[in-house]
C-alpha atoms as a PDB file:
ATOM      1  CA  UNK A   1       0.000   0.000   0.000  1.00  0.00           C
ATOM      2  CA  UNK A   2       1.333   3.354  -0.955  1.00  0.00           C
ATOM      3  CA  UNK A   3       0.551   6.550   1.100  1.00  0.00           C
ATOM      4  CA  UNK A   4       1.080   9.951  -0.322  1.00  0.00           C
ATOM      5  CA  UNK A   5       1.517  12.913   2.097  1.00  0.00           C
ATOM      6  CA  UNK A   6      -0.472  15.711   0.604  1.00  0.00           C
ATOM      7  CA  UNK A   7       0.199  18.182   3.509  1.00  0.00           C
ATOM      8  CA  UNK A   8       2.781  20.769   2.561  1.00  0.00           C
ATOM      9  CA  UNK A   9       6.008  20.987   4.619  1.00  0.00           C
ATOM     10  CA  UNK A  10       5.071  24.429   5.892  1.00  0.00           C
ATOM     11  CA  UNK A  11       1.848  23.088   7.319  1.00  0.00           C
ATOM     12  CA  UNK A  12       3.708  20.267   9.038  1.00  0.00           C
ATOM     13  CA  UNK A  13       6.144  22.689  10.662  1.00  0.00           C
ATOM     14  CA  UNK A  14       3.236  24.784  11.915  1.00  0.00           C
ATOM     15  CA  UNK A  15       1.577  21.765  13.482  1.00  0.00           C
ATOM     16  CA  UNK A  16       4.798  20.739  15.167  1.00  0.00           C
ATOM     17  CA  UNK A  17       5.281  24.267  16.561  1.00  0.00           C
ATOM     18  CA  UNK A  18       1.740  24.327  17.949  1.00  0.00           C
ATOM     19  CA  UNK A  19       2.228  20.952  19.573  1.00  0.00           C
ATOM     20  CA  UNK A  20       5.520  22.096  21.143  1.00  0.00           C
ATOM     21  CA  UNK A  21       3.879  25.300  22.382  1.00  0.00           C
ATOM     22  CA  UNK A  22       1.042  23.365  23.971  1.00  0.00           C
ATOM     23  CA  UNK A  23       3.512  21.046  25.668  1.00  0.00           C
ATOM     24  CA  UNK A  24       5.516  23.993  27.045  1.00  0.00           C
ATOM     25  CA  UNK A  25       2.377  25.729  28.314  1.00  0.00           C
ATOM     26  CA  UNK A  26       1.200  22.543  29.988  1.00  0.00           C
ATOM     27  CA  UNK A  27       4.582  22.055  31.630  1.00  0.00           C
ATOM     28  CA  UNK A  28       4.618  25.663  32.867  1.00  0.00           C
ATOM     29  CA  UNK A  29       1.150  25.277  34.338  1.00  0.00           C
ATOM     30  CA  UNK A  30       2.175  22.098  36.137  1.00  0.00           C
ATOM     31  CA  UNK A  31       5.378  23.715  37.470  1.00  0.00           C
ATOM     32  CA  UNK A  32       3.479  26.822  38.599  1.00  0.00           C
ATOM     33  CA  UNK A  33       0.892  24.751  40.431  1.00  0.00           C
ATOM     34  CA  UNK A  34       3.659  22.741  42.090  1.00  0.00           C
ATOM     35  CA  UNK A  35       5.548  25.903  43.113  1.00  0.00           C
ATOM     36  CA  UNK A  36       2.415  27.475  44.573  1.00  0.00           C
ATOM     37  CA  UNK A  37       1.755  24.295  46.485  1.00  0.00           C
ATOM     38  CA  UNK A  38       5.293  24.258  47.869  1.00  0.00           C
ATOM     39  CA  UNK A  39       5.028  27.923  48.918  1.00  0.00           C
ATOM     40  CA  UNK A  40       1.728  27.252  50.656  1.00  0.00           C
ATOM     41  CA  UNK A  41       3.173  24.238  52.448  1.00  0.00           C
ATOM     42  CA  UNK A  42       6.244  26.212  53.547  1.00  0.00           C
ATOM     43  CA  UNK A  43       4.058  29.054  54.762  1.00  0.00           C
ATOM     44  CA  UNK A  44       1.902  26.693  56.769  1.00  0.00           C
ATOM     45  CA  UNK A  45       5.007  25.014  58.186  1.00  0.00           C
ATOM     46  CA  UNK A  46       6.675  28.278  59.141  1.00  0.00           C
ATOM     47  CA  UNK A  47       3.511  29.648  60.671  1.00  0.00           C
ATOM     48  CA  UNK A  48       3.034  26.502  62.668  1.00  0.00           C
ATOM     49  CA  UNK A  49       6.686  26.335  63.727  1.00  0.00           C
ATOM     50  CA  UNK A  50       6.704  29.993  64.762  1.00  0.00           C
ATOM     51  CA  UNK A  51       3.482  29.567  66.658  1.00  0.00           C
ATOM     52  CA  UNK A  52       4.925  26.586  68.494  1.00  0.00           C
ATOM     53  CA  UNK A  53       8.197  28.448  69.212  1.00  0.00           C
ATOM     54  CA  UNK A  54       6.321  31.524  70.460  1.00  0.00           C
ATOM     55  CA  UNK A  55       4.142  29.406  72.674  1.00  0.00           C
ATOM     56  CA  UNK A  56       7.204  27.653  74.083  1.00  0.00           C
ATOM     57  CA  UNK A  57       8.994  30.971  74.701  1.00  0.00           C
ATOM     58  CA  UNK A  58       5.928  32.480  76.367  1.00  0.00           C
ATOM     59  CA  UNK A  59       5.593  29.430  78.567  1.00  0.00           C
ATOM     60  CA  UNK A  60       9.273  29.639  79.560  1.00  0.00           C
ATOM     61  CA  UNK A  61       8.982  33.378  80.300  1.00  0.00           C
ATOM     62  CA  UNK A  62       5.907  32.830  82.415  1.00  0.00           C
ATOM     63  CA  UNK A  63       7.616  30.060  84.351  1.00  0.00           C
ATOM     64  CA  UNK A  64      10.724  32.167  85.021  1.00  0.00           C
ATOM     65  CA  UNK A  65       8.596  35.182  85.955  1.00  0.00           C
ATOM     66  CA  UNK A  66       6.665  33.057  88.409  1.00  0.00           C
ATOM     67  CA  UNK A  67       9.947  31.906  89.978  1.00  0.00           C
ATOM     68  CA  UNK A  68      11.237  35.482  90.247  1.00  0.00           C
ATOM     69  CA  UNK A  69       8.019  36.663  91.853  1.00  0.00           C
ATOM     70  CA  UNK A  70       8.564  34.126  94.593  1.00  0.00           C
ATOM     71  CA  UNK A  71      11.957  35.672  95.469  1.00  0.00           C
ATOM     72  CA  UNK A  72      11.523  37.920  98.538  1.00  0.00           C
ATOM     73  CA  UNK A  73      12.536  41.607  98.146  1.00  0.00           C
ATOM     74  CA  UNK A  74      13.465  41.077  94.501  1.00  0.00           C
ATOM     75  CA  UNK A  75      13.428  44.795  93.612  1.00  0.00           C
ATOM     76  CA  UNK A  76      15.708  45.667  96.517  1.00  0.00           C
ATOM     77  CA  UNK A  77      18.064  42.823  95.614  1.00  0.00           C
ATOM     78  CA  UNK A  78      18.385  43.945  91.985  1.00  0.00           C
ATOM     79  CA  UNK A  79      18.924  47.566  93.014  1.00  0.00           C
ATOM     80  CA  UNK A  80      21.619  46.545  95.469  1.00  0.00           C
ATOM     81  CA  UNK A  81      23.384  44.428  92.836  1.00  0.00           C
ATOM     82  CA  UNK A  82      23.408  47.344  90.401  1.00  0.00           C
ATOM     83  CA  UNK A  83      24.800  49.657  93.044  1.00  0.00           C
ATOM     84  CA  UNK A  84      27.492  47.165  94.021  1.00  0.00           C
ATOM     85  CA  UNK A  85      28.476  46.735  90.366  1.00  0.00           C
ATOM     86  CA  UNK A  86      28.929  50.501  89.977  1.00  0.00           C
ATOM     87  CA  UNK A  87      30.889  50.988  93.218  1.00  0.00           C
ATOM     88  CA  UNK A  88      34.248  50.228  91.611  1.00  0.00           C
ATOM     89  CA  UNK A  89      33.682  52.695  88.787  1.00  0.00           C
ATOM     90  CA  UNK A  90      32.414  55.339  91.195  1.00  0.00           C
ATOM     91  CA  UNK A  91      35.431  54.807  93.426  1.00  0.00           C
ATOM     92  CA  UNK A  92      37.881  55.162  90.519  1.00  0.00           C
ATOM     93  CA  UNK A  93      36.161  58.336  89.313  1.00  0.00           C
ATOM     94  CA  UNK A  94      36.215  59.910  92.763  1.00  0.00           C
ATOM     95  CA  UNK A  95      38.779  62.700  93.036  1.00  0.00           C
ATOM     96  CA  UNK A  96      41.336  62.948  95.826  1.00  0.00           C
ATOM     97  CA  UNK A  97      40.503  66.561  96.636  1.00  0.00           C
ATOM     98  CA  UNK A  98      42.595  66.445  99.823  1.00  0.00           C
ATOM     99  CA  UNK A  99      45.657  67.072  97.638  1.00  0.00           C
ATOM    100  CA  UNK A 100      44.434  70.649  97.419  1.00  0.00           C
ATOM    101  CA  UNK A 101      45.635  71.207 100.998  1.00  0.00           C
ATOM    102  CA  UNK A 102      49.066  69.818 100.108  1.00  0.00           C
ATOM    103  CA  UNK A 103      49.216  72.255  97.204  1.00  0.00           C
ATOM    104  CA  UNK A 104      48.235  75.190  99.424  1.00  0.00           C
ATOM    105  CA  UNK A 105      51.013  74.487 101.925  1.00  0.00           C
ATOM    106  CA  UNK A 106      53.655  73.795  99.258  1.00  0.00           C
ATOM    107  CA  UNK A 107      53.258  76.809  96.970  1.00  0.00           C
ATOM    108  CA  UNK A 108      53.637  79.453  99.722  1.00  0.00           C
ATOM    109  CA  UNK A 109      57.027  81.189  99.245  1.00  0.00           C
ATOM    110  CA  UNK A 110      59.329  81.900 102.160  1.00  0.00           C
ATOM    111  CA  UNK A 111      59.378  85.249 103.936  1.00  0.00           C
ATOM    112  CA  UNK A 112      59.521  88.097 103.015  1.00  0.00           C
ATOM    113  CA  UNK A 113      57.603  87.014  99.903  1.00  0.00           C
ATOM    114  CA  UNK A 114      55.096  84.839 101.702  1.00  0.00           C
ATOM    115  CA  UNK A 115      51.412  85.267 100.936  1.00  0.00           C
ATOM    116  CA  UNK A 116      48.249  84.580 102.893  1.00  0.00           C
ATOM    117  CA  UNK A 117      45.578  82.538 101.106  1.00  0.00           C
ATOM    118  CA  UNK A 118      42.087  83.590 102.154  1.00  0.00           C
ATOM    119  CA  UNK A 119      40.132  81.369  99.748  1.00  0.00           C
ATOM    120  CA  UNK A 120      41.041  78.339  97.636  1.00  0.00           C
ATOM    121  CA  UNK A 121      38.440  77.048  95.158  1.00  0.00           C
ATOM    122  CA  UNK A 122      38.565  73.817  93.134  1.00  0.00           C
ATOM    123  CA  UNK A 123      36.323  73.699  90.038  1.00  0.00           C
ATOM    124  CA  UNK A 124      36.357  70.131  88.710  1.00  0.00           C
ATOM    125  CA  UNK A 125      34.217  70.932  85.660  1.00  0.00           C
ATOM    126  CA  UNK A 126      36.610  73.522  84.259  1.00  0.00           C
ATOM    127  CA  UNK A 127      39.704  71.930  85.914  1.00  0.00           C
ATOM    128  CA  UNK A 128      40.483  75.308  87.433  1.00  0.00           C
ATOM    129  CA  UNK A 129      41.899  76.298  90.824  1.00  0.00           C
ATOM    130  CA  UNK A 130      41.189  79.846  91.990  1.00  0.00           C
ATOM    131  CA  UNK A 131      43.271  81.486  94.710  1.00  0.00           C
ATOM    132  CA  UNK A 132      42.308  84.617  96.601  1.00  0.00           C
ATOM    133  CA  UNK A 133      44.887  86.040  98.959  1.00  0.00           C
ATOM    134  CA  UNK A 134      47.070  88.928 100.020  1.00  0.00           C
ATOM    135  CA  UNK A 135      50.783  89.696  99.992  1.00  0.00           C
ATOM    136  CA  UNK A 136      52.477  92.149 102.333  1.00  0.00           C
ATOM    137  CA  UNK A 137      55.487  92.485 100.046  1.00  0.00           C
ATOM    138  CA  UNK A 138      53.267  93.634  97.177  1.00  0.00           C
ATOM    139  CA  UNK A 139      53.857  92.819  93.535  1.00  0.00           C
ATOM    140  CA  UNK A 140      57.293  91.392  94.200  1.00  0.00           C
ATOM    141  CA  UNK A 141      55.833  88.696  96.457  1.00  0.00           C
ATOM    142  CA  UNK A 142      52.996  88.100  93.992  1.00  0.00           C
ATOM    143  CA  UNK A 143      55.462  87.471  91.162  1.00  0.00           C
ATOM    144  CA  UNK A 144      57.441  85.043  93.313  1.00  0.00           C
ATOM    145  CA  UNK A 145      54.191  83.293  94.227  1.00  0.00           C
ATOM    146  CA  UNK A 146      53.210  82.972  90.561  1.00  0.00           C
ATOM    147  CA  UNK A 147      56.598  81.537  89.580  1.00  0.00           C
ATOM    148  CA  UNK A 148      56.429  79.097  92.482  1.00  0.00           C
ATOM    149  CA  UNK A 149      53.091  77.777  91.188  1.00  0.00           C
ATOM    150  CA  UNK A 150      54.445  77.491  87.646  1.00  0.00           C
ATOM    151  CA  UNK A 151      57.468  75.489  88.808  1.00  0.00           C
ATOM    152  CA  UNK A 152      55.736  73.201  91.337  1.00  0.00           C
ATOM    153  CA  UNK A 153      55.550  69.554  90.210  1.00  0.00           C
ATOM    154  CA  UNK A 154      53.303  66.585  90.897  1.00  0.00           C
ATOM    155  CA  UNK A 155      55.228  63.350  91.391  1.00  0.00           C
ATOM    156  CA  UNK A 156      53.073  60.213  91.120  1.00  0.00           C
ATOM    157  CA  UNK A 157      52.743  56.651  89.865  1.00  0.00           C
ATOM    158  CA  UNK A 158      50.122  54.696  87.934  1.00  0.00           C
ATOM    159  CA  UNK A 159      49.546  50.942  88.064  1.00  0.00           C
ATOM    160  CA  UNK A 160      52.720  50.548  90.098  1.00  0.00           C
ATOM    161  CA  UNK A 161      54.870  52.415  87.550  1.00  0.00           C
ATOM    162  CA  UNK A 162      56.455  55.740  88.468  1.00  0.00           C
ATOM    163  CA  UNK A 163      55.546  58.500  86.014  1.00  0.00           C
ATOM    164  CA  UNK A 164      57.422  61.577  84.885  1.00  0.00           C
ATOM    165  CA  UNK A 165      56.598  64.477  87.263  1.00  0.00           C
ATOM    166  CA  UNK A 166      54.225  67.029  85.746  1.00  0.00           C
ATOM    167  CA  UNK A 167      53.492  70.686  86.492  1.00  0.00           C
ATOM    168  CA  UNK A 168      50.493  71.274  88.711  1.00  0.00           C
ATOM    169  CA  UNK A 169      49.611  74.358  86.631  1.00  0.00           C
ATOM    170  CA  UNK A 170      49.080  74.146  82.885  1.00  0.00           C
ATOM    171  CA  UNK A 171      48.345  77.868  82.586  1.00  0.00           C
ATOM    172  CA  UNK A 172      48.412  80.593  85.248  1.00  0.00           C
ATOM    173  CA  UNK A 173      46.140  83.623  84.856  1.00  0.00           C
ATOM    174  CA  UNK A 174      46.293  86.821  86.905  1.00  0.00           C
ATOM    175  CA  UNK A 175      43.029  88.229  88.225  1.00  0.00           C
ATOM    176  CA  UNK A 176      42.062  91.318  90.197  1.00  0.00           C
ATOM    177  CA  UNK A 177      44.740  93.212  92.140  1.00  0.00           C
ATOM    178  CA  UNK A 178      44.263  96.046  94.592  1.00  0.00           C
ATOM    179  CA  UNK A 179      46.001  97.544  97.604  1.00  0.00           C
ATOM    180  CA  UNK A 180      44.306  97.643 100.969  1.00  0.00           C
ATOM    181  CA  UNK A 181      44.913  97.123 104.670  1.00  0.00           C
ATOM    182  CA  UNK A 182      44.971  93.877 106.593  1.00  0.00           C
ATOM    183  CA  UNK A 183      43.457  93.277 110.029  1.00  0.00           C
ATOM    184  CA  UNK A 184      46.496  94.945 111.627  1.00  0.00           C
ATOM    185  CA  UNK A 185      46.122  98.078 109.536  1.00  0.00           C
ATOM    186  CA  UNK A 186      49.201  97.300 107.439  1.00  0.00           C
ATOM    187  CA  UNK A 187      49.274  97.915 103.696  1.00  0.00           C
ATOM    188  CA  UNK A 188      48.849  94.719 101.683  1.00  0.00           C
ATOM    189  CA  UNK A 189      48.202  93.661  98.090  1.00  0.00           C
ATOM    190  CA  UNK A 190      44.985  91.732  97.597  1.00  0.00           C
ATOM    191  CA  UNK A 191      44.950  89.512  94.521  1.00  0.00           C
ATOM    192  CA  UNK A 192      43.142  86.764  92.641  1.00  0.00           C
ATOM    193  CA  UNK A 193      44.949  84.117  90.615  1.00  0.00           C
ATOM    194  CA  UNK A 194      43.736  81.100  88.631  1.00  0.00           C
ATOM    195  CA  UNK A 195      45.431  78.145  87.027  1.00  0.00           C
ATOM    196  CA  UNK A 196      44.259  75.083  85.128  1.00  0.00           C
ATOM    197  CA  UNK A 197      45.491  71.762  86.433  1.00  0.00           C
ATOM    198  CA  UNK A 198      46.101  68.374  84.744  1.00  0.00           C
ATOM    199  CA  UNK A 199      43.542  65.645  85.383  1.00  0.00           C
ATOM    200  CA  UNK A 200      46.209  63.428  86.921  1.00  0.00           C
ATOM    201  CA  UNK A 201      46.609  65.860  89.822  1.00  0.00           C
ATOM    202  CA  UNK A 202      43.450  64.739  91.647  1.00  0.00           C
ATOM    203  CA  UNK A 203      42.819  61.387  89.936  1.00  0.00           C
ATOM    204  CA  UNK A 204      42.521  58.365  92.217  1.00  0.00           C
ATOM    205  CA  UNK A 205      44.512  56.329  89.699  1.00  0.00           C
ATOM    206  CA  UNK A 206      47.484  58.606  90.419  1.00  0.00           C
ATOM    207  CA  UNK A 207      49.009  56.700  93.304  1.00  0.00           C
ATOM    208  CA  UNK A 208      51.522  57.846  95.917  1.00  0.00           C
ATOM    209  CA  UNK A 209      51.148  61.431  94.734  1.00  0.00           C
ATOM    210  CA  UNK A 210      53.463  64.086  96.127  1.00  0.00           C
ATOM    211  CA  UNK A 211      53.529  67.848  95.561  1.00  0.00           C
ATOM    212  CA  UNK A 212      57.127  68.908  94.958  1.00  0.00           C
ATOM    213  CA  UNK A 213      58.030  72.579  95.364  1.00  0.00           C
ATOM    214  CA  UNK A 214      60.736  74.171  93.187  1.00  0.00           C
ATOM    215  CA  UNK A 215      64.163  74.712  94.670  1.00  0.00           C
ATOM    216  CA  UNK A 216      64.635  77.955  96.552  1.00  0.00           C
ATOM    217  CA  UNK A 217      66.800  79.502  93.854  1.00  0.00           C
ATOM    218  CA  UNK A 218      64.143  79.325  91.165  1.00  0.00           C
ATOM    219  CA  UNK A 219      61.490  80.852  93.408  1.00  0.00           C
ATOM    220  CA  UNK A 220      63.405  83.851  94.746  1.00  0.00           C
ATOM    221  CA  UNK A 221      63.915  87.406  93.607  1.00  0.00           C
ATOM    222  CA  UNK A 222      67.099  86.480  91.721  1.00  0.00           C
ATOM    223  CA  UNK A 223      65.155  85.164  88.758  1.00  0.00           C
ATOM    224  CA  UNK A 224      62.127  87.459  88.716  1.00  0.00           C
ATOM    225  CA  UNK A 225      63.372  89.069  85.524  1.00  0.00           C
ATOM    226  CA  UNK A 226      64.760  85.891  83.973  1.00  0.00           C
ATOM    227  CA  UNK A 227      62.673  84.119  81.293  1.00  0.00           C
ATOM    228  CA  UNK A 228      61.148  80.835  82.411  1.00  0.00           C
ATOM    229  CA  UNK A 229      62.943  79.000  79.590  1.00  0.00           C
ATOM    230  CA  UNK A 230      66.272  79.719  81.282  1.00  0.00           C
ATOM    231  CA  UNK A 231      65.331  78.124  84.604  1.00  0.00           C
ATOM    232  CA  UNK A 232      66.579  74.695  83.569  1.00  0.00           C
ATOM    233  CA  UNK A 233      70.029  76.087  82.721  1.00  0.00           C
ATOM    234  CA  UNK A 234      70.390  78.366  85.745  1.00  0.00           C
ATOM    235  CA  UNK A 235      73.159  77.549  88.192  1.00  0.00           C
ATOM    236  CA  UNK A 236      71.370  75.887  91.153  1.00  0.00           C
ATOM    237  CA  UNK A 237      74.136  76.957  93.508  1.00  0.00           C
ATOM    238  CA  UNK A 238      73.930  80.627  92.584  1.00  0.00           C
ATOM    239  CA  UNK A 239      73.278  83.139  95.329  1.00  0.00           C
ATOM    240  CA  UNK A 240      70.246  85.306  95.806  1.00  0.00           C
ATOM    241  CA  UNK A 241      70.321  89.081  95.296  1.00  0.00           C
END
């Protein structure tokens, strides 16, 4: 038997293309349905798992809360623990303000250039020390007093290691000056002076601190007119004028 294909080649190609298209569309529909099903299943699983986890966490929280409520004076106990935990930090941040008295007794020059301090103020916020006082020897004594402050050192250690001594005054500023009479009716110079201090001066971490006054030569009249930069090269055995 002989069969003759009367359908043109173009028609055959069109039929094959349609069949392929239908197969692709069917496959896409099946894949889409499967993907949607998987997403739905995952969503249901996650929702259920999260619900179970939340329920378990809530149950655990409720159990622990019930246990804590049974602890007597819980609020007081927690407050006390917080305060105890902060004691070390508070102690380290506490300043050793008593060093101010050591400074006051160390920076007073010898007679006749001694001064009388009437008020000594420590401002920890601005790291400033303010001195109000009077000097019988006038401006000469005041200049000696200022140089004594500038040359006074703070010798200290930190963590068991001795540090290089530092100046107690970073910058000295002159304030008001006026002549008046003291309680004995004698003429005296009243003055105000301020200086900024380094943080190490009153820090509790600065251990075995000691206020060291300058040697007598550097604080006397002999060097009142000498620049401060020359102090380190001055002859320490030189006499006073």
